[in-house]
Protein backbone atom coordinates (compact mmCIF):
# COMPACT_ATOMS: atom_id res chain seq x y z
CA UNK A 1 55.32 68.07 -174.96
CA UNK A 2 57.53 69.58 -177.66
CA UNK A 3 55.89 71.09 -180.70
CA UNK A 4 56.50 69.77 -184.23
CA UNK A 5 59.88 71.54 -184.38
CA UNK A 6 61.03 70.01 -181.08
CA UNK A 7 60.56 73.20 -179.04
CA UNK A 8 59.47 73.35 -175.41
CA UNK A 9 58.93 76.37 -173.20
CA UNK A 10 60.09 76.61 -169.61
CA UNK A 11 58.89 78.93 -166.90
CA UNK A 12 59.92 79.53 -163.32
CA UNK A 13 59.19 81.79 -160.40
CA UNK A 14 60.91 82.20 -157.05
CA UNK A 15 59.02 83.59 -154.07
CA UNK A 16 60.43 86.92 -152.95
CA UNK A 17 61.60 85.54 -149.58
CA UNK A 18 63.78 83.01 -151.42
CA UNK A 19 65.24 85.23 -154.14
CA UNK A 20 68.96 86.06 -154.45
CA UNK A 21 70.05 82.65 -153.17
CA UNK A 22 71.00 81.08 -156.49
CA UNK A 23 67.84 79.01 -156.66
CA UNK A 24 66.62 80.26 -160.05
CA UNK A 25 69.82 79.42 -161.99
CA UNK A 26 69.87 76.01 -160.33
CA UNK A 27 66.21 75.38 -161.14
CA UNK A 28 66.65 76.49 -164.76
CA UNK A 29 69.70 74.26 -165.09
CA UNK A 30 67.65 71.29 -163.94
CA UNK A 31 64.83 72.17 -166.35
CA UNK A 32 67.38 72.32 -169.20
CA UNK A 33 68.84 68.94 -168.24
CA UNK A 34 65.39 67.37 -167.99
CA UNK A 35 64.18 68.82 -171.29
CA UNK A 36 67.29 67.82 -173.24
CA UNK A 37 67.17 64.32 -171.75
CA UNK A 38 64.31 63.78 -174.21
CA UNK A 39 65.68 63.15 -177.70
CA UNK A 40 62.75 64.89 -179.41
CA UNK A 41 63.51 68.23 -177.68
CA UNK A 42 65.82 70.37 -179.81
CA UNK A 43 65.15 73.87 -178.51
CA UNK A 44 64.01 75.45 -175.25
CA UNK A 45 62.39 78.87 -175.15
CA UNK A 46 61.62 81.15 -172.22
CA UNK A 47 59.87 84.49 -172.02
CA UNK A 48 60.26 87.34 -169.58
CA UNK A 49 59.51 91.01 -169.38
CA UNK A 50 62.24 93.46 -170.47
CA UNK A 51 62.33 95.17 -167.07
CA UNK A 52 62.93 91.92 -165.14
CA UNK A 53 66.74 92.13 -165.22
CA UNK A 54 67.25 89.32 -162.67
CA UNK A 55 65.24 86.93 -164.83
CA UNK A 56 67.17 87.97 -167.93
CA UNK A 57 70.45 87.38 -166.08
CA UNK A 58 69.33 83.88 -165.08
CA UNK A 59 68.51 82.97 -168.67
CA UNK A 60 71.76 84.42 -170.01
CA UNK A 61 73.75 82.71 -167.26
CA UNK A 62 72.30 79.40 -168.40
CA UNK A 63 73.20 80.04 -172.03
CA UNK A 64 69.94 81.35 -173.46
CA UNK A 65 70.23 83.87 -176.28
CA UNK A 66 67.92 86.82 -176.85
CA UNK A 67 65.65 86.26 -179.86
CA UNK A 68 63.34 89.28 -179.90
CA UNK A 69 59.70 89.91 -179.15
CA UNK A 70 57.99 87.27 -177.06
CA UNK A 71 54.86 85.36 -177.84
CA UNK A 72 52.87 87.34 -175.26
CA UNK A 73 52.27 91.11 -175.27
CA UNK A 74 55.26 93.00 -173.86
CA UNK A 75 57.38 89.88 -173.35
CA UNK A 76 60.80 89.19 -174.81
CA UNK A 77 61.94 85.76 -175.97
CA UNK A 78 65.10 83.80 -175.25
CA UNK A 79 66.11 80.43 -176.64
CA UNK A 80 68.61 77.67 -176.07
CA UNK A 81 69.36 75.15 -178.81
CA UNK A 82 70.50 71.63 -177.96
CA UNK A 83 73.62 72.06 -180.11
CA UNK A 84 74.59 75.26 -178.27
CA UNK A 85 73.81 74.14 -174.75
CA UNK A 86 76.38 73.46 -172.11
CA UNK A 87 76.15 73.16 -168.36
CA UNK A 88 76.77 76.70 -167.11
CA UNK A 89 76.85 77.65 -163.47
């Protein structure tokens, strides 16, 4: 459920045997579509670790913007606002 500001957090993980097949960007795209299909969702956030470059690339590919420190120790935070979202491949 979104918080009072209309924010939801997504998370994803791809097993190592299935990485580098384009599954993560596709999965994140579907999560974005599903989240924004709910009118009360205005922002999506996602966290990752700064050394996980593939995860950062997936978020950036899907239009997420770097925000700064994450909500968990050592994590960094990305966000996507409904008004700035577009279907990216």
